[in-house]
Amino acid sequence: MELYSYYRSSASYRVRIALNVKGLAYDCHGVHLVKNGGEQHTPEYKALNPQAQVPTLVDGNFTLTQSMAILEYLEEKYPKPHILPKDVEQRAYVRQLAQISVADIHPLNNLKVLTHLSGEFGITQDQKLDWYHKWVRLGFDATEKLLEKSPFRTGVYCCGDAPTVADMCLIPQVYNARRYDMEMSAWPLISAIEQSCLKLEAFRLASPERQPDTPEDHRAPFMKGQASNG
């Protein structure tokens, strides 16, 4: 199995976590989204992924893009350990939480959107940071409320006693929020779930500072005060 990934890509991050949780071996190929105008735009890579995005998963003769499709595929083809609950209501709840991260937060703060805002509209760094914080805050506020009232948060993760797709989508957004200097004390349940996830080797191995394409100066542990990545 091969994964085309960028070390700081949230979408790649969530797929790396899922692969690790399921114990699936894979070769990781770095696709630098900034260097030389973006390696995702090369003809060779666009032949794999016409959207010129990461991640791309190659499993034998099958190639798949879009991180959520990849997570569903991994769950269906390699079902154990499960990353979606068997109970239909819990499964819907997990997907609901995941969609807040991947559909409402991430698309508004990813690299190409921030680059477009700076390049086409000339916004300042402070304005870009305000934009970033606004959408993360709205998404985290909703996630925290759902976690507070959920009967399914019976363990230390978003749902039940094992990490699910919801955790795999949330943790990359928390990582990015910390990277962009967001104070996480407003979301104690999210912060507690982050701590629990970072105790798991599958999450630590997927972290941006531990990828083959991570630049040397970004390899030091980023999350000050968080669980060790070593």
C-alpha atoms as a PDB file:
ATOM      1  CA  MET A   1       0.000   0.000   0.000  1.00  0.00           C
ATOM      2  CA  GLU A   2       1.248   3.498  -0.857  1.00  0.00           C
ATOM      3  CA  LEU A   3       0.185   6.862   0.519  1.00  0.00           C
ATOM      4  CA  TYR A   4       0.964  10.147  -1.202  1.00  0.00           C
ATOM      5  CA  SER A   5       0.970  12.676   1.597  1.00  0.00           C
ATOM      6  CA  TYR A   6       2.227  16.054   2.780  1.00  0.00           C
ATOM      7  CA  TYR A   7       3.480  16.184   6.333  1.00  0.00           C
ATOM      8  CA  ARG A   8       1.347  19.206   7.289  1.00  0.00           C
ATOM      9  CA  SER A   9      -1.774  18.225   5.372  1.00  0.00           C
ATOM     10  CA  SER A  10      -4.725  17.690   7.730  1.00  0.00           C
ATOM     11  CA  ALA A  11      -6.378  15.337   5.253  1.00  0.00           C
ATOM     12  CA  SER A  12      -3.207  13.256   4.970  1.00  0.00           C
ATOM     13  CA  TYR A  13      -2.789  13.315   8.755  1.00  0.00           C
ATOM     14  CA  ARG A  14      -6.214  11.752   9.359  1.00  0.00           C
ATOM     15  CA  VAL A  15      -5.521   8.986   6.834  1.00  0.00           C
ATOM     16  CA  ARG A  16      -2.119   8.264   8.397  1.00  0.00           C
ATOM     17  CA  ILE A  17      -3.809   7.869  11.777  1.00  0.00           C
ATOM     18  CA  ALA A  18      -6.371   5.424  10.357  1.00  0.00           C
ATOM     19  CA  LEU A  19      -3.719   3.336   8.628  1.00  0.00           C
ATOM     20  CA  ASN A  20      -1.720   3.179  11.855  1.00  0.00           C
ATOM     21  CA  VAL A  21      -4.733   2.315  14.024  1.00  0.00           C
ATOM     22  CA  LYS A  22      -5.571  -0.543  11.673  1.00  0.00           C
ATOM     23  CA  GLY A  23      -1.964  -1.718  11.641  1.00  0.00           C
ATOM     24  CA  LEU A  24      -1.679  -1.467   7.860  1.00  0.00           C
ATOM     25  CA  ALA A  25       1.814  -1.179   6.422  1.00  0.00           C
ATOM     26  CA  TYR A  26       2.295   1.514   3.800  1.00  0.00           C
ATOM     27  CA  ASP A  27       5.008   3.420   1.992  1.00  0.00           C
ATOM     28  CA  CYS A  28       4.634   7.167   2.419  1.00  0.00           C
ATOM     29  CA  HIS A  29       5.590   9.402  -0.527  1.00  0.00           C
ATOM     30  CA  GLY A  30       5.963  13.091   0.242  1.00  0.00           C
ATOM     31  CA  VAL A  31       4.229  15.557  -2.088  1.00  0.00           C
ATOM     32  CA  HIS A  32       5.411  19.037  -1.117  1.00  0.00           C
ATOM     33  CA  LEU A  33       2.521  21.463  -1.550  1.00  0.00           C
ATOM     34  CA  VAL A  34       4.717  24.594  -1.610  1.00  0.00           C
ATOM     35  CA  LYS A  35       8.143  23.716  -3.011  1.00  0.00           C
ATOM     36  CA  ASN A  36       8.703  24.519  -6.708  1.00  0.00           C
ATOM     37  CA  GLY A  37       5.191  25.883  -7.067  1.00  0.00           C
ATOM     38  CA  GLY A  38       3.699  22.753  -5.512  1.00  0.00           C
ATOM     39  CA  GLU A  39       4.659  19.207  -6.447  1.00  0.00           C
ATOM     40  CA  GLN A  40       0.966  18.295  -6.566  1.00  0.00           C
ATOM     41  CA  HIS A  41       0.763  20.141  -9.892  1.00  0.00           C
ATOM     42  CA  THR A  42       3.263  17.949 -11.738  1.00  0.00           C
ATOM     43  CA  PRO A  43       1.846  15.904 -14.626  1.00  0.00           C
ATOM     44  CA  GLU A  44       2.997  12.699 -12.939  1.00  0.00           C
ATOM     45  CA  TYR A  45       1.086  13.391  -9.752  1.00  0.00           C
ATOM     46  CA  LYS A  46      -2.010  14.758 -11.506  1.00  0.00           C
ATOM     47  CA  ALA A  47      -2.192  11.469 -13.380  1.00  0.00           C
ATOM     48  CA  LEU A  48      -2.751   9.860  -9.962  1.00  0.00           C
ATOM     49  CA  ASN A  49      -4.946  12.610  -8.538  1.00  0.00           C
ATOM     50  CA  PRO A  50      -6.600  14.943 -11.065  1.00  0.00           C
ATOM     51  CA  GLN A  51      -7.535  17.372  -8.283  1.00  0.00           C
ATOM     52  CA  ALA A  52      -3.833  17.914  -7.525  1.00  0.00           C
ATOM     53  CA  GLN A  53      -4.433  17.390  -3.813  1.00  0.00           C
ATOM     54  CA  VAL A  54      -3.297  15.041  -1.078  1.00  0.00           C
ATOM     55  CA  PRO A  55      -3.789  12.384   0.080  1.00  0.00           C
ATOM     56  CA  THR A  56      -3.839   9.695  -2.558  1.00  0.00           C
ATOM     57  CA  LEU A  57      -3.947   6.039  -1.526  1.00  0.00           C
ATOM     58  CA  VAL A  58      -2.796   3.263  -3.834  1.00  0.00           C
ATOM     59  CA  ASP A  59      -3.832  -0.209  -2.707  1.00  0.00           C
ATOM     60  CA  GLY A  60      -2.642  -2.707  -5.294  1.00  0.00           C
ATOM     61  CA  ASN A  61      -4.321  -1.756  -8.570  1.00  0.00           C
ATOM     62  CA  PHE A  62      -6.821   0.554  -6.868  1.00  0.00           C
ATOM     63  CA  THR A  63      -6.194   4.290  -6.500  1.00  0.00           C
ATOM     64  CA  LEU A  64      -8.387   6.444  -4.277  1.00  0.00           C
ATOM     65  CA  THR A  65      -8.411  10.127  -3.360  1.00  0.00           C
ATOM     66  CA  GLN A  66     -10.436  12.187  -0.842  1.00  0.00           C
ATOM     67  CA  SER A  67      -9.607  11.404   2.758  1.00  0.00           C
ATOM     68  CA  MET A  68     -13.121  10.549   3.923  1.00  0.00           C
ATOM     69  CA  ALA A  69     -13.609   8.127   1.052  1.00  0.00           C
ATOM     70  CA  ILE A  70     -10.262   6.578   1.994  1.00  0.00           C
ATOM     71  CA  LEU A  71     -11.315   6.193   5.652  1.00  0.00           C
ATOM     72  CA  GLU A  72     -14.585   4.509   4.636  1.00  0.00           C
ATOM     73  CA  TYR A  73     -12.713   2.247   2.220  1.00  0.00           C
ATOM     74  CA  LEU A  74     -10.221   1.195   4.883  1.00  0.00           C
ATOM     75  CA  GLU A  75     -13.060   0.446   7.310  1.00  0.00           C
ATOM     76  CA  GLU A  76     -14.885  -1.700   4.777  1.00  0.00           C
ATOM     77  CA  LYS A  77     -11.904  -3.578   3.355  1.00  0.00           C
ATOM     78  CA  TYR A  78      -9.867  -3.884   6.564  1.00  0.00           C
ATOM     79  CA  PRO A  79     -12.589  -3.789   9.239  1.00  0.00           C
ATOM     80  CA  LYS A  80     -10.591  -4.623  12.363  1.00  0.00           C
ATOM     81  CA  PRO A  81     -10.068  -2.757  14.522  1.00  0.00           C
ATOM     82  CA  HIS A  82     -13.189  -0.783  13.716  1.00  0.00           C
ATOM     83  CA  ILE A  83     -12.969   2.986  13.329  1.00  0.00           C
ATOM     84  CA  LEU A  84     -16.733   3.365  12.921  1.00  0.00           C
ATOM     85  CA  PRO A  85     -19.083   2.053  15.619  1.00  0.00           C
ATOM     86  CA  LYS A  86     -21.438  -0.821  14.773  1.00  0.00           C
ATOM     87  CA  ASP A  87     -24.443   0.893  16.349  1.00  0.00           C
ATOM     88  CA  VAL A  88     -26.239   2.957  13.719  1.00  0.00           C
ATOM     89  CA  GLU A  89     -26.817   5.992  15.972  1.00  0.00           C
ATOM     90  CA  GLN A  90     -23.252   6.020  17.249  1.00  0.00           C
ATOM     91  CA  ARG A  91     -21.972   5.684  13.679  1.00  0.00           C
ATOM     92  CA  ALA A  92     -24.075   8.668  12.589  1.00  0.00           C
ATOM     93  CA  TYR A  93     -22.854  10.669  15.606  1.00  0.00           C
ATOM     94  CA  VAL A  94     -19.221   9.917  14.758  1.00  0.00           C
ATOM     95  CA  ARG A  95     -19.769  10.987  11.155  1.00  0.00           C
ATOM     96  CA  GLN A  96     -21.469  14.176  12.378  1.00  0.00           C
ATOM     97  CA  LEU A  97     -18.448  15.134  14.484  1.00  0.00           C
ATOM     98  CA  ALA A  98     -16.060  14.221  11.675  1.00  0.00           C
ATOM     99  CA  GLN A  99     -17.925  16.406   9.205  1.00  0.00           C
ATOM    100  CA  ILE A 100     -17.578  19.468  11.441  1.00  0.00           C
ATOM    101  CA  SER A 101     -13.800  19.072  11.202  1.00  0.00           C
ATOM    102  CA  VAL A 102     -13.514  18.089   7.539  1.00  0.00           C
ATOM    103  CA  ALA A 103     -16.362  20.066   5.957  1.00  0.00           C
ATOM    104  CA  ASP A 104     -16.816  23.154   8.136  1.00  0.00           C
ATOM    105  CA  ILE A 105     -13.368  23.896   9.600  1.00  0.00           C
ATOM    106  CA  HIS A 106     -10.743  22.467   7.281  1.00  0.00           C
ATOM    107  CA  PRO A 107     -11.946  23.751   3.867  1.00  0.00           C
ATOM    108  CA  LEU A 108     -11.910  27.353   5.121  1.00  0.00           C
ATOM    109  CA  ASN A 109      -8.411  27.283   6.560  1.00  0.00           C
ATOM    110  CA  ASN A 110      -6.400  25.019   4.297  1.00  0.00           C
ATOM    111  CA  LEU A 111      -3.307  26.141   2.426  1.00  0.00           C
ATOM    112  CA  LYS A 112      -4.894  26.988  -0.908  1.00  0.00           C
ATOM    113  CA  VAL A 113      -7.625  29.111   0.703  1.00  0.00           C
ATOM    114  CA  LEU A 114      -5.168  31.038   2.884  1.00  0.00           C
ATOM    115  CA  THR A 115      -2.859  31.518  -0.100  1.00  0.00           C
ATOM    116  CA  HIS A 116      -5.762  32.789  -2.197  1.00  0.00           C
ATOM    117  CA  LEU A 117      -6.791  35.256   0.497  1.00  0.00           C
ATOM    118  CA  SER A 118      -3.259  36.625   0.688  1.00  0.00           C
ATOM    119  CA  GLY A 119      -2.567  36.631  -3.037  1.00  0.00           C
ATOM    120  CA  GLU A 120      -5.873  37.684  -4.577  1.00  0.00           C
ATOM    121  CA  PHE A 121      -7.234  39.923  -1.828  1.00  0.00           C
ATOM    122  CA  GLY A 122      -4.024  41.094  -0.211  1.00  0.00           C
ATOM    123  CA  ILE A 123      -5.102  40.458   3.347  1.00  0.00           C
ATOM    124  CA  THR A 124      -2.503  40.949   6.052  1.00  0.00           C
ATOM    125  CA  GLN A 125      -1.035  38.217   8.240  1.00  0.00           C
ATOM    126  CA  ASP A 126      -3.154  39.447  11.166  1.00  0.00           C
ATOM    127  CA  GLN A 127      -6.311  39.360   9.055  1.00  0.00           C
ATOM    128  CA  LYS A 128      -5.445  35.857   7.883  1.00  0.00           C
ATOM    129  CA  LEU A 129      -4.993  34.747  11.476  1.00  0.00           C
ATOM    130  CA  ASP A 130      -8.367  36.258  12.427  1.00  0.00           C
ATOM    131  CA  TRP A 131      -9.993  34.392   9.536  1.00  0.00           C
ATOM    132  CA  TYR A 132      -8.355  31.160  10.607  1.00  0.00           C
ATOM    133  CA  HIS A 133      -9.325  31.540  14.267  1.00  0.00           C
ATOM    134  CA  LYS A 134     -12.941  32.418  13.471  1.00  0.00           C
ATOM    135  CA  TRP A 135     -13.772  29.187  11.656  1.00  0.00           C
ATOM    136  CA  VAL A 136     -11.859  26.985  14.074  1.00  0.00           C
ATOM    137  CA  ARG A 137     -13.606  28.630  17.016  1.00  0.00           C
ATOM    138  CA  LEU A 138     -17.071  28.094  15.519  1.00  0.00           C
ATOM    139  CA  GLY A 139     -16.306  24.456  14.738  1.00  0.00           C
ATOM    140  CA  PHE A 140     -14.754  23.724  18.129  1.00  0.00           C
ATOM    141  CA  ASP A 141     -17.617  25.446  19.964  1.00  0.00           C
ATOM    142  CA  ALA A 142     -20.131  23.176  18.234  1.00  0.00           C
ATOM    143  CA  THR A 143     -17.990  20.083  18.731  1.00  0.00           C
ATOM    144  CA  GLU A 144     -17.549  20.809  22.434  1.00  0.00           C
ATOM    145  CA  LYS A 145     -21.313  21.218  22.907  1.00  0.00           C
ATOM    146  CA  LEU A 146     -22.041  17.956  21.108  1.00  0.00           C
ATOM    147  CA  LEU A 147     -19.464  16.161  23.231  1.00  0.00           C
ATOM    148  CA  GLU A 148     -20.946  17.643  26.414  1.00  0.00           C
ATOM    149  CA  LYS A 149     -24.440  16.311  25.790  1.00  0.00           C
ATOM    150  CA  SER A 150     -23.627  13.064  24.016  1.00  0.00           C
ATOM    151  CA  PRO A 151     -24.591   9.778  25.687  1.00  0.00           C
ATOM    152  CA  PHE A 152     -21.964   8.087  23.512  1.00  0.00           C
ATOM    153  CA  ARG A 153     -18.939   9.780  25.106  1.00  0.00           C
ATOM    154  CA  THR A 154     -18.498   6.949  27.601  1.00  0.00           C
ATOM    155  CA  GLY A 155     -14.702   6.741  27.437  1.00  0.00           C
ATOM    156  CA  VAL A 156     -11.793   9.076  26.807  1.00  0.00           C
ATOM    157  CA  TYR A 157     -12.451   9.492  23.075  1.00  0.00           C
ATOM    158  CA  CYS A 158     -15.213  11.146  21.076  1.00  0.00           C
ATOM    159  CA  CYS A 159     -17.331   7.996  21.151  1.00  0.00           C
ATOM    160  CA  GLY A 160     -16.876   4.924  23.310  1.00  0.00           C
ATOM    161  CA  ASP A 161     -13.643   3.354  24.472  1.00  0.00           C
ATOM    162  CA  ALA A 162     -11.625   3.373  21.250  1.00  0.00           C
ATOM    163  CA  PRO A 163     -10.659   6.070  18.735  1.00  0.00           C
ATOM    164  CA  THR A 164     -12.973   6.506  15.783  1.00  0.00           C
ATOM    165  CA  VAL A 165     -13.085   8.522  12.585  1.00  0.00           C
ATOM    166  CA  ALA A 166     -14.272  11.470  14.716  1.00  0.00           C
ATOM    167  CA  ASP A 167     -11.012  11.517  16.694  1.00  0.00           C
ATOM    168  CA  MET A 168      -8.952  11.005  13.542  1.00  0.00           C
ATOM    169  CA  CYS A 169     -10.518  14.091  11.971  1.00  0.00           C
ATOM    170  CA  LEU A 170     -10.465  16.227  15.123  1.00  0.00           C
ATOM    171  CA  ILE A 171      -6.835  15.796  16.198  1.00  0.00           C
ATOM    172  CA  PRO A 172      -5.298  17.299  13.017  1.00  0.00           C
ATOM    173  CA  GLN A 173      -7.487  20.381  13.506  1.00  0.00           C
ATOM    174  CA  VAL A 174      -6.364  20.693  17.129  1.00  0.00           C
ATOM    175  CA  TYR A 175      -2.759  20.373  15.987  1.00  0.00           C
ATOM    176  CA  ASN A 176      -3.273  23.185  13.490  1.00  0.00           C
ATOM    177  CA  ALA A 177      -5.088  25.349  16.036  1.00  0.00           C
ATOM    178  CA  ARG A 178      -2.097  25.112  18.366  1.00  0.00           C
ATOM    179  CA  ARG A 179       0.237  25.845  15.470  1.00  0.00           C
ATOM    180  CA  TYR A 180      -1.732  29.039  14.816  1.00  0.00           C
ATOM    181  CA  ASP A 181      -1.516  30.096  18.483  1.00  0.00           C
ATOM    182  CA  MET A 182      -5.066  29.323  19.549  1.00  0.00           C
ATOM    183  CA  GLU A 183      -5.704  29.059  23.278  1.00  0.00           C
ATOM    184  CA  MET A 184      -7.424  25.689  23.815  1.00  0.00           C
ATOM    185  CA  SER A 185      -8.686  26.230  27.376  1.00  0.00           C
ATOM    186  CA  ALA A 186     -12.157  27.137  26.060  1.00  0.00           C
ATOM    187  CA  TRP A 187     -12.619  23.528  24.922  1.00  0.00           C
ATOM    188  CA  PRO A 188     -11.722  21.232  27.840  1.00  0.00           C
ATOM    189  CA  LEU A 189     -13.364  18.109  26.419  1.00  0.00           C
ATOM    190  CA  ILE A 190     -11.584  18.487  23.073  1.00  0.00           C
ATOM    191  CA  SER A 191      -8.314  19.068  24.919  1.00  0.00           C
ATOM    192  CA  ALA A 192      -8.854  15.956  27.071  1.00  0.00           C
ATOM    193  CA  ILE A 193      -9.589  13.858  23.982  1.00  0.00           C
ATOM    194  CA  GLU A 194      -6.425  15.207  22.376  1.00  0.00           C
ATOM    195  CA  GLN A 195      -4.395  14.099  25.406  1.00  0.00           C
ATOM    196  CA  SER A 196      -5.909  10.616  25.258  1.00  0.00           C
ATOM    197  CA  CYS A 197      -5.249  10.254  21.536  1.00  0.00           C
ATOM    198  CA  LEU A 198      -1.652  11.428  21.844  1.00  0.00           C
ATOM    199  CA  LYS A 199      -0.958   8.605  24.271  1.00  0.00           C
ATOM    200  CA  LEU A 200      -1.530   6.171  21.395  1.00  0.00           C
ATOM    201  CA  GLU A 201       1.421   5.250  19.194  1.00  0.00           C
ATOM    202  CA  ALA A 202      -0.825   5.246  16.119  1.00  0.00           C
ATOM    203  CA  PHE A 203      -1.522   8.961  16.598  1.00  0.00           C
ATOM    204  CA  ARG A 204       2.038   9.879  17.545  1.00  0.00           C
ATOM    205  CA  LEU A 205       3.507   8.113  14.495  1.00  0.00           C
ATOM    206  CA  ALA A 206       1.081  10.010  12.247  1.00  0.00           C
ATOM    207  CA  SER A 207       2.070  13.434  13.579  1.00  0.00           C
ATOM    208  CA  PRO A 208       3.480  16.003  11.130  1.00  0.00           C
ATOM    209  CA  GLU A 209       6.899  16.096  12.799  1.00  0.00           C
ATOM    210  CA  ARG A 210       7.444  12.350  12.285  1.00  0.00           C
ATOM    211  CA  GLN A 211       6.931  11.964   8.530  1.00  0.00           C
ATOM    212  CA  PRO A 212       9.545  11.034   5.901  1.00  0.00           C
ATOM    213  CA  ASP A 213       9.031  14.402   4.181  1.00  0.00           C
ATOM    214  CA  THR A 214       9.189  16.494   7.361  1.00  0.00           C
ATOM    215  CA  PRO A 215      11.928  19.136   7.019  1.00  0.00           C
ATOM    216  CA  GLU A 216      14.731  18.726   9.515  1.00  0.00           C
ATOM    217  CA  ASP A 217      13.929  21.991  11.296  1.00  0.00           C
ATOM    218  CA  HIS A 218      10.327  20.863  11.890  1.00  0.00           C
ATOM    219  CA  ARG A 219      11.190  17.521  13.437  1.00  0.00           C
ATOM    220  CA  ALA A 220      11.373  18.786  17.018  1.00  0.00           C
ATOM    221  CA  PRO A 221       8.180  18.059  19.007  1.00  0.00           C
ATOM    222  CA  PHE A 222       5.744  20.856  18.269  1.00  0.00           C
ATOM    223  CA  MET A 223       3.099  20.417  20.924  1.00  0.00           C
ATOM    224  CA  LYS A 224       4.669  21.923  24.004  1.00  0.00           C
ATOM    225  CA  GLY A 225       3.267  20.250  27.094  1.00  0.00           C
ATOM    226  CA  GLN A 226       1.603  17.506  25.070  1.00  0.00           C
ATOM    227  CA  ALA A 227       2.305  13.797  25.057  1.00  0.00           C
ATOM    228  CA  SER A 228       5.743  12.990  23.715  1.00  0.00           C
ATOM    229  CA  ASN A 229       6.051  12.000  20.063  1.00  0.00           C
ATOM    230  CA  GLY A 230       9.102   9.949  20.874  1.00  0.00           C
END
